[in-house]
Protein backbone atom coordinates (compact mmCIF):
# COMPACT_ATOMS: atom_id res chain seq x y z
CA MET A 1 179.83 -96.02 91.34
CA ASP A 2 178.92 -99.66 91.92
CA ALA A 3 176.42 -100.92 94.57
CA LYS A 4 179.17 -101.74 97.00
CA GLY A 5 180.69 -98.23 96.70
CA GLY A 6 177.23 -96.67 97.21
CA ARG A 7 176.66 -98.66 100.41
CA VAL A 8 180.05 -97.66 101.88
CA GLN A 9 179.74 -94.04 101.09
CA ASN A 10 176.14 -93.96 102.41
CA GLY A 11 177.41 -95.59 105.47
CA PHE A 12 180.08 -93.01 105.85
CA ARG A 13 177.47 -90.28 105.55
CA GLN A 14 175.71 -91.97 108.46
CA TRP A 15 178.91 -91.85 110.58
CA LEU A 16 179.12 -88.26 109.93
CA GLU A 17 175.44 -87.62 110.82
CA ALA A 18 175.70 -89.72 113.93
CA GLY A 19 178.61 -87.54 115.28
CA SER A 20 182.44 -87.81 115.64
CA ASP A 21 182.25 -90.62 118.28
CA ALA A 22 180.54 -93.05 115.72
CA ILE A 23 183.13 -92.57 112.98
CA PRO A 24 185.68 -95.57 113.04
CA ALA A 25 189.32 -94.55 113.39
CA PRO A 26 191.32 -94.10 110.18
CA ASP A 27 193.23 -97.37 109.28
CA VAL A 28 195.18 -96.15 106.23
CA GLN A 29 197.93 -93.53 105.63
CA ILE A 30 198.38 -91.81 102.28
CA LEU A 31 201.85 -90.47 101.70
CA THR A 32 202.56 -87.72 99.31
CA SER A 33 205.73 -86.52 97.50
CA GLY A 34 206.09 -83.72 100.03
CA GLY A 35 206.04 -86.13 103.02
CA ARG A 36 202.47 -85.26 103.91
CA LYS A 37 200.47 -87.91 105.64
CA ILE A 38 196.72 -88.15 105.02
CA SER A 39 194.58 -90.43 107.23
CA ALA A 40 191.79 -92.29 105.56
CA HIS A 41 189.33 -95.24 105.76
CA SER A 42 190.24 -98.38 103.94
CA ALA A 43 186.48 -99.24 103.34
CA VAL A 44 185.90 -95.84 101.63
CA LEU A 45 189.17 -96.01 99.47
CA ALA A 46 188.55 -99.66 98.42
CA ALA A 47 184.92 -98.86 97.50
CA ALA A 48 185.94 -95.85 95.31
CA SER A 49 189.06 -97.44 93.64
CA PRO A 50 189.64 -101.20 92.68
CA VAL A 51 193.36 -100.20 92.37
CA MET A 52 193.50 -99.04 95.98
CA GLU A 53 191.52 -102.08 97.02
CA SER A 54 194.20 -104.28 95.45
CA ILE A 55 196.96 -102.38 97.27
CA LEU A 56 195.12 -102.62 100.56
CA ASP A 57 194.46 -106.36 100.14
CA ARG A 58 198.10 -107.14 99.42
CA ALA A 59 199.07 -105.16 102.60
CA GLN A 60 196.58 -107.13 104.63
CA LYS A 61 197.95 -110.43 103.22
CA ARG A 62 201.42 -109.60 104.26
CA GLY A 63 200.23 -109.06 107.80
CA LYS A 64 200.95 -105.32 107.97
CA SER A 65 199.18 -103.66 110.84
CA ARG A 66 199.41 -100.17 109.31
CA ARG A 67 198.56 -99.98 105.69
CA VAL A 68 200.06 -97.19 103.52
CA ILE A 69 199.37 -95.94 100.07
CA ARG A 70 202.00 -93.68 98.33
CA ILE A 71 200.71 -91.22 95.75
CA LEU A 72 203.75 -89.53 94.34
CA GLY A 73 204.52 -87.24 91.44
CA VAL A 74 201.76 -84.78 92.02
CA PRO A 75 201.42 -81.75 94.52
CA ASP A 76 200.28 -82.51 97.97
CA ASP A 77 197.19 -80.34 97.58
CA ALA A 78 196.19 -82.14 94.54
CA VAL A 79 196.34 -85.47 96.55
CA MET A 80 194.33 -83.90 99.34
CA ALA A 81 191.67 -82.76 96.84
CA PHE A 82 191.58 -86.34 95.40
CA VAL A 83 190.98 -87.74 98.73
CA ARG A 84 188.24 -85.18 99.55
CA LEU A 85 186.53 -85.96 96.30
CA ILE A 86 186.63 -89.65 96.90
CA TYR A 87 184.85 -89.08 100.29
CA SER A 88 182.35 -86.74 98.63
CA SER A 89 181.13 -89.58 96.39
CA GLY A 90 180.21 -87.24 93.49
CA CYS A 91 178.32 -84.75 95.57
CA MET A 92 180.80 -81.95 95.35
CA SER A 93 180.59 -78.68 97.19
CA LEU A 94 181.60 -75.27 95.77
CA ASP A 95 184.99 -75.63 97.27
CA GLU A 96 185.46 -79.04 95.69
CA GLU A 97 184.29 -77.73 92.30
CA GLU A 98 186.98 -74.96 92.61
CA GLU A 99 189.59 -77.59 93.50
CA MET A 100 188.47 -79.50 90.41
CA GLY A 101 189.26 -76.52 88.28
CA ARG A 102 192.51 -75.78 90.05
CA TYR A 103 193.89 -79.26 90.02
CA GLY A 104 191.91 -80.73 87.10
CA LEU A 105 194.92 -82.11 85.15
CA HIS A 106 196.34 -83.74 88.39
CA LEU A 107 192.96 -85.17 89.29
CA LEU A 108 192.57 -86.57 85.76
CA VAL A 109 195.80 -88.44 86.15
CA LEU A 110 194.99 -89.74 89.57
CA SER A 111 191.49 -90.82 88.65
CA HIS A 112 192.84 -92.68 85.70
CA ALA A 113 195.69 -94.30 87.61
CA TYR A 114 193.40 -95.38 90.40
CA SER A 115 190.44 -96.21 88.23
CA VAL A 116 187.87 -93.86 89.87
CA GLY A 117 185.58 -93.80 86.82
CA TRP A 118 183.04 -91.00 88.01
CA LEU A 119 185.80 -88.76 89.01
CA LYS A 120 187.61 -89.18 85.66
CA ARG A 121 184.42 -88.32 83.78
CA ALA A 122 183.92 -85.26 85.98
CA CYS A 123 187.51 -84.13 85.33
CA GLU A 124 187.01 -84.52 81.53
CA VAL A 125 183.93 -82.32 81.70
CA ALA A 126 185.65 -79.67 84.00
CA LEU A 127 188.73 -79.64 81.67
CA ALA A 128 186.68 -79.34 78.46
CA LEU A 129 184.85 -76.37 79.79
CA ARG A 130 188.06 -74.54 80.49
CA LEU A 131 189.91 -75.40 77.30
CA THR A 132 191.83 -72.52 75.67
CA ALA A 133 194.04 -72.14 72.63
CA GLU A 134 197.08 -71.75 74.95
CA GLY A 135 196.65 -74.95 76.93
CA VAL A 136 194.79 -77.21 74.52
CA VAL A 137 197.93 -79.01 73.42
CA ASP A 138 198.90 -79.88 76.99
CA VAL A 139 195.46 -81.09 77.77
CA LEU A 140 195.31 -83.03 74.50
CA LEU A 141 198.60 -84.96 75.39
CA LEU A 142 197.22 -85.75 78.84
CA ALA A 143 193.89 -86.90 77.51
CA ARG A 144 195.74 -89.20 75.12
CA GLN A 145 197.89 -90.69 77.88
CA CYS A 146 194.85 -91.11 80.19
CA ASP A 147 192.62 -92.69 77.52
CA ALA A 148 190.06 -89.81 78.01
CA ALA A 149 188.37 -90.11 74.63
CA ARG A 150 185.69 -87.47 75.12
CA LEU A 151 188.19 -84.88 76.29
CA TYR A 152 190.53 -85.79 73.47
CA LEU A 153 187.85 -85.25 70.88
CA ARG A 154 186.95 -81.79 72.46
CA CYS A 155 190.64 -80.88 72.26
CA MET A 156 190.82 -81.84 68.53
CA LYS A 157 187.62 -79.86 67.79
CA LEU A 158 189.15 -76.75 69.53
CA LEU A 159 192.40 -77.24 67.56
CA ALA A 160 190.42 -77.37 64.33
CA LYS A 161 188.42 -74.27 65.26
CA ASP A 162 191.29 -72.04 66.41
CA PHE A 163 194.36 -73.64 64.80
CA ALA A 164 195.99 -70.31 63.87
CA ALA A 165 196.22 -69.30 67.57
CA VAL A 166 197.37 -72.84 68.55
CA LYS A 167 200.26 -72.81 66.13
CA LYS A 168 201.76 -69.76 67.90
CA THR A 169 202.09 -71.45 71.30
CA GLU A 170 205.14 -73.04 72.81
CA ALA A 171 203.35 -76.22 73.46
CA TRP A 172 202.68 -76.75 69.64
CA GLN A 173 206.34 -76.06 68.86
CA PHE A 174 207.38 -78.58 71.50
CA LEU A 175 204.97 -81.10 70.11
CA GLN A 176 206.27 -80.57 66.53
CA ALA A 177 209.89 -81.14 67.77
CA ASN A 178 209.15 -84.25 69.86
CA ASP A 179 206.01 -85.99 68.78
CA PRO A 180 205.70 -85.93 64.92
CA TRP A 181 203.17 -88.81 64.91
CA LEU A 182 200.73 -86.83 67.02
CA GLU A 183 201.31 -83.83 64.84
CA LEU A 184 200.51 -85.98 61.90
CA GLU A 185 197.38 -87.27 63.57
CA ILE A 186 196.25 -83.76 64.37
CA LEU A 187 196.83 -82.54 60.81
CA GLN A 188 194.89 -85.36 59.51
CA PHE A 189 192.03 -84.61 61.80
CA LEU A 190 192.15 -80.98 60.58
CA GLN A 191 192.04 -82.12 57.01
CA GLU A 192 189.09 -84.35 57.52
CA ALA A 193 187.35 -81.64 59.48
CA GLU A 194 187.74 -79.23 56.61
CA LEU A 195 186.56 -81.86 54.08
CA ARG A 196 183.53 -82.64 56.25
CA LYS A 197 182.83 -78.84 56.57
CA LYS A 198 182.89 -78.49 52.79
CA ARG A 199 180.76 -81.57 52.29
CA VAL A 200 178.11 -80.35 54.71
CA GLY A 201 178.23 -76.86 52.93
CA ARG A 202 177.67 -78.48 49.53
CA LYS A 203 174.73 -80.63 50.89
CA ARG A 204 173.13 -77.37 52.26
CA ALA A 205 173.69 -75.58 48.98
CA TYR A 206 172.00 -78.47 47.13
CA ARG A 207 169.25 -78.58 49.61
CA ARG A 208 168.59 -74.83 49.11
CA VAL A 209 168.54 -75.38 45.31
CA TYR A 210 165.95 -78.13 45.62
CA GLU A 211 163.85 -76.02 48.06
CA GLU A 212 163.97 -73.17 45.61
CA LEU A 213 162.90 -75.40 42.68
CA GLY A 214 160.05 -76.72 44.92
CA ASP A 215 158.98 -73.10 45.60
CA ALA A 216 159.08 -72.39 41.86
CA MET A 217 156.82 -75.37 41.22
CA GLU A 218 154.39 -74.13 43.76
CA CYS A 219 154.45 -70.59 42.41
CA LEU A 220 153.97 -71.84 38.96
CA GLN A 221 150.97 -73.76 39.85
CA HIS A 222 149.43 -70.91 41.75
CA MET A 223 150.21 -68.55 38.89
CA TYR A 224 148.09 -70.48 36.39
CA MET A 225 145.39 -71.26 38.82
CA ALA A 226 145.02 -67.49 39.50
CA ARG A 227 144.82 -66.87 35.65
CA GLU A 228 141.94 -69.18 35.49
CA GLY A 229 140.04 -67.09 38.02
CA SER A 230 141.17 -68.45 41.34
CA LYS A 231 140.75 -65.79 43.91
CA LYS A 232 142.82 -67.59 46.57
CA ASN A 233 145.35 -65.17 47.99
CA HIS A 234 148.55 -67.32 47.99
CA PRO A 235 151.68 -66.04 49.87
CA CYS A 236 153.91 -66.80 46.92
CA SER A 237 152.23 -64.16 44.77
CA SER A 238 154.38 -61.49 46.45
CA SER A 239 157.62 -63.35 46.41
CA ALA A 240 160.68 -62.82 44.28
CA CYS A 241 160.31 -66.29 42.81
CA TYR A 242 156.82 -65.40 41.53
CA ARG A 243 158.02 -62.24 39.89
CA ASN A 244 161.00 -63.90 38.26
CA LEU A 245 158.79 -66.65 36.80
CA GLN A 246 156.47 -64.09 35.41
CA LEU A 247 159.39 -62.49 33.67
CA LEU A 248 160.67 -65.71 32.35
CA ILE A 249 157.25 -66.68 30.93
CA GLN A 250 156.94 -63.29 29.20
CA HIS A 251 160.34 -63.66 27.78
CA LEU A 252 159.66 -67.22 26.53
CA ALA A 253 156.50 -65.94 24.72
CA ALA A 254 158.36 -63.17 23.00
CA CYS A 255 161.89 -64.63 22.41
CA PRO A 256 162.52 -65.46 18.68
CA ARG A 257 165.38 -67.78 19.45
CA ARG A 258 164.22 -70.10 22.12
CA LYS A 259 166.53 -73.05 21.47
CA ALA A 260 169.64 -70.96 21.83
CA CYS A 261 168.52 -68.60 24.61
CA PRO A 262 169.66 -69.52 28.13
CA ARG A 263 166.62 -68.00 29.71
CA CYS A 264 164.31 -69.79 27.55
CA CYS A 265 166.03 -73.06 28.22
CA ARG A 266 165.87 -72.41 31.93
CA MET A 267 162.05 -71.85 31.71
CA LEU A 268 161.63 -74.97 29.48
CA GLN A 269 163.45 -76.98 32.12
CA LEU A 270 161.22 -75.68 34.87
CA LEU A 271 158.12 -76.58 32.85
CA ARG A 272 159.61 -80.03 32.16
CA LEU A 273 160.26 -80.53 35.83
CA HIS A 274 156.64 -79.51 36.59
CA SER A 275 155.44 -82.23 34.14
CA ALA A 276 157.55 -84.77 35.91
CA LEU A 277 156.07 -83.81 39.29
CA CYS A 278 152.49 -83.24 38.04
CA ASP A 279 150.13 -85.89 39.20
CA ASP A 280 146.84 -84.51 37.94
CA SER A 281 144.66 -87.56 37.65
CA THR A 282 141.54 -85.61 36.55
CA GLN A 283 140.11 -85.87 33.10
CA GLN A 284 140.98 -82.22 32.39
CA ALA A 285 144.42 -81.34 31.11
CA CYS A 286 146.80 -79.59 33.43
CA ARG A 287 146.52 -75.68 33.05
CA ILE A 288 150.25 -75.17 32.99
CA PRO A 289 151.71 -74.70 29.50
CA LEU A 290 153.48 -77.67 27.80
CA CYS A 291 152.75 -79.99 30.72
CA SER A 292 150.84 -82.54 28.54
CA HIS A 293 153.42 -82.02 25.80
CA PHE A 294 156.32 -82.93 28.01
CA LYS A 295 154.43 -85.93 29.49
CA LEU A 296 153.73 -87.18 26.01
CA ARG A 297 157.34 -86.69 25.01
CA MET A 298 158.66 -88.60 28.03
CA GLN A 299 156.50 -91.57 27.10
CA GLN A 300 157.40 -91.52 23.41
CA GLN A 301 161.14 -90.54 23.63
CA LYS A 302 163.65 -92.92 25.23
CA GLU A 303 166.52 -91.00 26.71
CA GLY A 304 169.82 -92.27 27.71
CA LYS A 305 169.94 -94.18 30.82
CA GLU A 306 172.42 -91.68 32.53
CA GLU A 307 170.28 -88.82 31.58
CA ALA A 308 167.12 -90.52 32.63
CA ASP A 309 168.61 -91.42 36.01
CA THR A 310 169.96 -87.88 36.65
CA TRP A 311 166.45 -86.47 35.80
CA GLN A 312 164.68 -88.99 38.10
CA LEU A 313 167.02 -88.18 40.89
CA LEU A 314 166.33 -84.47 40.48
CA VAL A 315 162.57 -85.13 40.61
CA LYS A 316 163.05 -87.23 43.74
CA LYS A 317 165.02 -84.59 45.46
CA VAL A 318 162.58 -81.84 44.68
CA LYS A 319 159.66 -84.02 45.91
CA VAL A 320 161.48 -84.52 49.20
CA ALA A 321 162.35 -80.88 49.45
CA ARG A 322 158.78 -79.89 49.03
CA VAL A 323 157.49 -82.36 51.62
CA MET A 324 160.11 -81.24 54.20
CA SER A 325 159.40 -77.53 53.46
CA SER A 326 155.74 -78.02 54.00
CA PHE A 327 156.37 -80.06 57.23
CA SER A 328 158.68 -77.42 58.58
CA LYS A 329 156.17 -74.58 57.80
CA ARG A 330 153.29 -76.60 59.56
CA LYS A 331 155.60 -77.20 62.58
CA GLY A 332 156.42 -73.52 62.64
CA GLN A 333 152.74 -72.49 62.59
CA GLU A 334 151.95 -75.07 65.32
CA GLY A 335 154.82 -73.57 67.31
CA VAL A 336 153.41 -70.04 66.86
CA HIS A 337 149.96 -71.23 67.93
CA GLU A 338 151.32 -73.00 71.03
CA GLN A 339 153.30 -69.95 72.01
CA PHE A 340 150.25 -67.79 71.46
CA ALA A 341 148.15 -70.01 73.61
CA LEU A 342 150.82 -70.11 76.44
CA CYS A 343 151.02 -66.27 76.35
CA THR A 344 147.15 -66.06 76.50
CA THR A 345 147.00 -68.52 79.46
CA THR A 346 149.71 -66.64 81.33
CA ALA A 347 148.06 -63.35 80.86
CA ARG A 348 144.69 -64.80 82.14
CA THR A 349 146.42 -66.37 85.19
CA SER A 350 148.15 -63.01 85.98
CA ASP A 351 144.77 -61.24 85.72
């Protein structure tokens, strides 16, 4: 609501607080389809709706002493609720919230037709909270006609989520028979949503692979540090990744056909990945087997550009995954410490 509307609505509240004698007499009549007449104040209506303001200005220019606004095509109770909500200026009572739920579709139409922005947004929220598979098509059609983009998107998302149930409704069958362009738009949205879901699933799967490779690099480093006498108790020593690496290393040492064995090739690829990630700048050689061998081989052997780019991309992804994993673990530990401190403080306060 703009500044003008806020001043008028605040003035009306002051009228109410001052008592009935201080309230100006209504100077507008609102007529409904059922012949009902609702008295209202032009200042309040004009402040809330630029469309009503224009109607009232035209009536005043024509010299009409009694100005009338006709709101037709909706139930009388919906019009009454619309007027009450305009007077509430967004501060709705429980009864008005119930009316919002009861006449939400009618109020959306009226708020759109008369350009009551805050009420239109409130109707969109109320209707979105009450969406069901049985009524989502009707709400979608209305949201499209009233240019309610947020509500339209919520309807589309519900359609994508529960399309099997929506297809069985009469509203969907009616839409298929009478609005093929909207049906095509919905089906295209469903297809894009499915593709987006698969794409997100693939990205998550790739991220898990990179995280597992990062864990394998960490376990591999710890494994050979421990063999050299490190007594540090690392959490990865009891993980499945650590045990699998031990089995692969034992198999690699004893396998007579390393070049043709898939398990040996897998372990050699892990060792090569470690050498690409290893940044040991000390004078001593890295303790992990074949690390210096693979480093020297990468310096001497020129691979094809495509293979080199693929390998560099893999190394980059694993580096990022390791950083993100360590960051999330650190944040998780900080969260645990904060929660523990909060619980300790609460316990001391209660004592």
